[in-house]
Amino acid sequence: MYMYIWIITIILLLIGEFMTSNIATIWYAISASISLILSILIDNYIIEMLNFIILGTLLLIIFRPVLNTYLKNKIAKIKRK
């Protein structure tokens, strides 16, 4: 049942990421993908939602600064050429 909600969530988050390109919603799309897998394995929406919120926030906090630094360095190298 909740599998369809996660599929719609993934699609909407990816559309939002492609429209804004601010590297924020991609982490929640990844988290929603894992929640989709969980929804197939277990039937507990609370666990799926907690996974989505906690994992998405952790991914955002950990990887967004790293990826932003990488992209800024790459753009700076391109501008120097």
N, C-alpha and C. Protein backbone atom coordinates (compact mmCIF):
# COMPACT_ATOMS: atom_id res chain seq x y z
N MET A 1 0.82 -1.21 0.00
CA MET A 1 0.00 0.00 0.00
C MET A 1 0.86 1.26 0.00
N TYR A 2 1.76 1.36 0.96
CA TYR A 2 2.59 2.56 1.06
C TYR A 2 3.65 2.61 -0.03
N MET A 3 3.83 1.51 -0.71
CA MET A 3 4.81 1.46 -1.79
C MET A 3 4.52 2.54 -2.84
N TYR A 4 3.26 2.74 -3.15
CA TYR A 4 2.89 3.73 -4.16
C TYR A 4 3.16 5.15 -3.67
N ILE A 5 2.99 5.39 -2.39
CA ILE A 5 3.30 6.70 -1.83
C ILE A 5 4.78 7.00 -1.98
N TRP A 6 5.64 6.00 -1.73
CA TRP A 6 7.08 6.21 -1.85
C TRP A 6 7.49 6.42 -3.29
N ILE A 7 6.86 5.73 -4.21
CA ILE A 7 7.17 5.92 -5.64
C ILE A 7 6.82 7.35 -6.06
N ILE A 8 5.64 7.82 -5.66
CA ILE A 8 5.24 9.20 -5.98
C ILE A 8 6.18 10.19 -5.32
N THR A 9 6.58 9.92 -4.08
CA THR A 9 7.51 10.81 -3.37
C THR A 9 8.84 10.89 -4.09
N ILE A 10 9.36 9.76 -4.52
CA ILE A 10 10.64 9.74 -5.25
C ILE A 10 10.53 10.57 -6.53
N ILE A 11 9.46 10.37 -7.28
CA ILE A 11 9.29 11.10 -8.54
C ILE A 11 9.20 12.60 -8.29
N LEU A 12 8.42 13.01 -7.30
CA LEU A 12 8.28 14.44 -7.01
C LEU A 12 9.59 15.06 -6.53
N LEU A 13 10.33 14.33 -5.70
CA LEU A 13 11.61 14.85 -5.21
C LEU A 13 12.63 14.97 -6.35
N LEU A 14 12.64 14.01 -7.25
CA LEU A 14 13.57 14.09 -8.38
C LEU A 14 13.19 15.22 -9.33
N ILE A 15 11.91 15.43 -9.54
CA ILE A 15 11.48 16.56 -10.37
C ILE A 15 11.91 17.87 -9.71
N GLY A 16 11.72 17.96 -8.40
CA GLY A 16 12.14 19.16 -7.68
C GLY A 16 13.64 19.38 -7.76
N GLU A 17 14.40 18.32 -7.70
CA GLU A 17 15.86 18.44 -7.80
C GLU A 17 16.28 18.91 -9.18
N PHE A 18 15.67 18.38 -10.21
CA PHE A 18 16.02 18.79 -11.57
C PHE A 18 15.61 20.24 -11.85
N MET A 19 14.56 20.70 -11.19
CA MET A 19 14.09 22.07 -11.40
C MET A 19 14.94 23.10 -10.65
N THR A 20 15.49 22.72 -9.50
CA THR A 20 16.22 23.70 -8.69
C THR A 20 17.72 23.53 -8.74
N SER A 21 18.20 22.31 -8.86
CA SER A 21 19.63 22.01 -8.89
C SER A 21 20.40 22.55 -7.69
N ASN A 22 19.78 22.51 -6.50
CA ASN A 22 20.47 22.99 -5.31
C ASN A 22 21.00 21.85 -4.44
N ILE A 23 20.97 20.66 -4.93
CA ILE A 23 21.50 19.47 -4.27
C ILE A 23 20.92 19.29 -2.87
N ALA A 24 19.63 19.52 -2.72
CA ALA A 24 19.00 19.34 -1.42
C ALA A 24 18.01 18.17 -1.42
N THR A 25 17.19 18.08 -2.44
CA THR A 25 16.15 17.06 -2.41
C THR A 25 16.64 15.69 -2.89
N ILE A 26 17.79 15.64 -3.51
CA ILE A 26 18.30 14.34 -3.98
C ILE A 26 18.54 13.39 -2.82
N TRP A 27 18.94 13.94 -1.68
CA TRP A 27 19.22 13.10 -0.51
C TRP A 27 17.93 12.49 0.03
N TYR A 28 16.85 13.25 -0.03
CA TYR A 28 15.57 12.71 0.40
C TYR A 28 15.01 11.73 -0.63
N ALA A 29 15.35 11.90 -1.89
CA ALA A 29 14.93 10.93 -2.90
C ALA A 29 15.63 9.59 -2.66
N ILE A 30 16.91 9.65 -2.30
CA ILE A 30 17.64 8.43 -1.95
C ILE A 30 17.01 7.77 -0.73
N SER A 31 16.70 8.59 0.26
CA SER A 31 16.07 8.09 1.47
C SER A 31 14.69 7.49 1.18
N ALA A 32 13.94 8.11 0.30
CA ALA A 32 12.63 7.58 -0.09
C ALA A 32 12.78 6.25 -0.84
N SER A 33 13.86 6.10 -1.60
CA SER A 33 14.10 4.84 -2.29
C SER A 33 14.33 3.71 -1.29
N ILE A 34 15.07 4.01 -0.25
CA ILE A 34 15.30 3.00 0.78
C ILE A 34 14.01 2.71 1.54
N SER A 35 13.20 3.74 1.77
CA SER A 35 11.90 3.52 2.41
C SER A 35 10.98 2.68 1.52
N LEU A 36 11.12 2.84 0.21
CA LEU A 36 10.35 2.01 -0.72
C LEU A 36 10.72 0.54 -0.55
N ILE A 37 12.01 0.27 -0.46
CA ILE A 37 12.46 -1.11 -0.24
C ILE A 37 11.95 -1.63 1.09
N LEU A 38 12.01 -0.78 2.12
CA LEU A 38 11.48 -1.18 3.43
C LEU A 38 9.99 -1.48 3.37
N SER A 39 9.25 -0.70 2.58
CA SER A 39 7.80 -0.93 2.49
C SER A 39 7.47 -2.28 1.86
N ILE A 40 8.38 -2.78 1.05
CA ILE A 40 8.19 -4.11 0.47
C ILE A 40 8.48 -5.19 1.51
N LEU A 41 9.50 -4.93 2.34
CA LEU A 41 9.93 -5.93 3.32
C LEU A 41 9.11 -5.94 4.60
N ILE A 42 8.70 -4.77 5.05
CA ILE A 42 7.94 -4.69 6.30
C ILE A 42 6.66 -3.89 6.06
N ASP A 43 5.73 -3.99 6.97
CA ASP A 43 4.47 -3.28 6.83
C ASP A 43 4.25 -2.37 8.04
N ASN A 44 5.20 -1.44 8.23
CA ASN A 44 5.12 -0.51 9.35
C ASN A 44 5.48 0.88 8.84
N TYR A 45 4.45 1.70 8.65
CA TYR A 45 4.65 3.02 8.07
C TYR A 45 5.48 3.93 8.97
N ILE A 46 5.40 3.74 10.26
CA ILE A 46 6.17 4.59 11.19
C ILE A 46 7.66 4.36 10.99
N ILE A 47 8.08 3.12 10.87
CA ILE A 47 9.49 2.81 10.64
C ILE A 47 9.94 3.37 9.29
N GLU A 48 9.12 3.23 8.28
CA GLU A 48 9.45 3.77 6.96
C GLU A 48 9.60 5.28 7.01
N MET A 49 8.69 5.96 7.69
CA MET A 49 8.73 7.41 7.76
C MET A 49 9.93 7.88 8.59
N LEU A 50 10.21 7.21 9.70
CA LEU A 50 11.38 7.57 10.50
C LEU A 50 12.67 7.37 9.70
N ASN A 51 12.72 6.29 8.95
CA ASN A 51 13.88 6.05 8.09
C ASN A 51 14.02 7.18 7.08
N PHE A 52 12.93 7.57 6.46
CA PHE A 52 12.94 8.64 5.46
C PHE A 52 13.46 9.95 6.06
N ILE A 53 12.94 10.32 7.20
CA ILE A 53 13.32 11.60 7.82
C ILE A 53 14.76 11.57 8.33
N ILE A 54 15.09 10.54 9.09
CA ILE A 54 16.43 10.49 9.71
C ILE A 54 17.52 10.29 8.66
N LEU A 55 17.34 9.33 7.77
CA LEU A 55 18.36 9.06 6.76
C LEU A 55 18.51 10.24 5.79
N GLY A 56 17.41 10.82 5.37
CA GLY A 56 17.47 11.96 4.47
C GLY A 56 18.19 13.14 5.09
N THR A 57 17.91 13.41 6.35
CA THR A 57 18.58 14.51 7.05
C THR A 57 20.06 14.24 7.24
N LEU A 58 20.40 13.01 7.61
CA LEU A 58 21.83 12.65 7.76
C LEU A 58 22.58 12.77 6.44
N LEU A 59 21.98 12.27 5.37
CA LEU A 59 22.62 12.38 4.06
C LEU A 59 22.82 13.84 3.67
N LEU A 60 21.82 14.66 3.94
CA LEU A 60 21.90 16.09 3.62
C LEU A 60 23.01 16.76 4.42
N ILE A 61 23.07 16.49 5.69
CA ILE A 61 24.07 17.12 6.56
C ILE A 61 25.49 16.67 6.21
N ILE A 62 25.66 15.39 5.91
CA ILE A 62 27.00 14.84 5.67
C ILE A 62 27.50 15.12 4.26
N PHE A 63 26.68 14.84 3.25
CA PHE A 63 27.19 14.84 1.88
C PHE A 63 26.99 16.14 1.12
N ARG A 64 26.03 16.95 1.48
CA ARG A 64 25.81 18.19 0.71
C ARG A 64 27.01 19.13 0.78
N PRO A 65 27.59 19.39 1.96
CA PRO A 65 28.77 20.27 1.97
C PRO A 65 29.94 19.72 1.16
N VAL A 66 30.13 18.41 1.23
CA VAL A 66 31.23 17.78 0.49
C VAL A 66 31.00 17.94 -1.02
N LEU A 67 29.79 17.68 -1.47
CA LEU A 67 29.49 17.78 -2.89
C LEU A 67 29.52 19.23 -3.36
N ASN A 68 29.05 20.16 -2.54
CA ASN A 68 29.13 21.58 -2.91
C ASN A 68 30.57 22.03 -3.09
N THR A 69 31.46 21.62 -2.18
CA THR A 69 32.88 21.97 -2.29
C THR A 69 33.47 21.38 -3.56
N TYR A 70 33.15 20.13 -3.84
CA TYR A 70 33.65 19.48 -5.04
C TYR A 70 33.20 20.20 -6.30
N LEU A 71 31.92 20.54 -6.35
CA LEU A 71 31.39 21.21 -7.54
C LEU A 71 31.96 22.62 -7.70
N LYS A 72 32.14 23.34 -6.61
CA LYS A 72 32.73 24.68 -6.69
C LYS A 72 34.16 24.60 -7.22
N ASN A 73 34.93 23.63 -6.75
CA ASN A 73 36.30 23.45 -7.23
C ASN A 73 36.32 23.09 -8.72
N LYS A 74 35.40 22.25 -9.12
CA LYS A 74 35.34 21.84 -10.51
C LYS A 74 34.96 23.03 -11.41
N ILE A 75 34.02 23.83 -10.96
CA ILE A 75 33.61 25.02 -11.73
C ILE A 75 34.76 26.02 -11.81
N ALA A 76 35.50 26.17 -10.71
CA ALA A 76 36.65 27.10 -10.70
C ALA A 76 37.70 26.63 -11.69
N LYS A 77 37.96 25.35 -11.79
CA LYS A 77 38.93 24.82 -12.74
C LYS A 77 38.49 25.07 -14.17
N ILE A 78 37.21 24.93 -14.43
CA ILE A 78 36.69 25.15 -15.77
C ILE A 78 36.82 26.63 -16.16
N LYS A 79 36.56 27.52 -15.22
CA LYS A 79 36.65 28.96 -15.50
C LYS A 79 38.08 29.40 -15.74
N ARG A 80 39.04 28.74 -15.12
CA ARG A 80 40.45 29.09 -15.30
C ARG A 80 40.97 28.74 -16.68
N LYS A 81 40.35 27.77 -17.32
CA LYS A 81 40.84 27.32 -18.64
C LYS A 81 40.50 28.27 -19.70
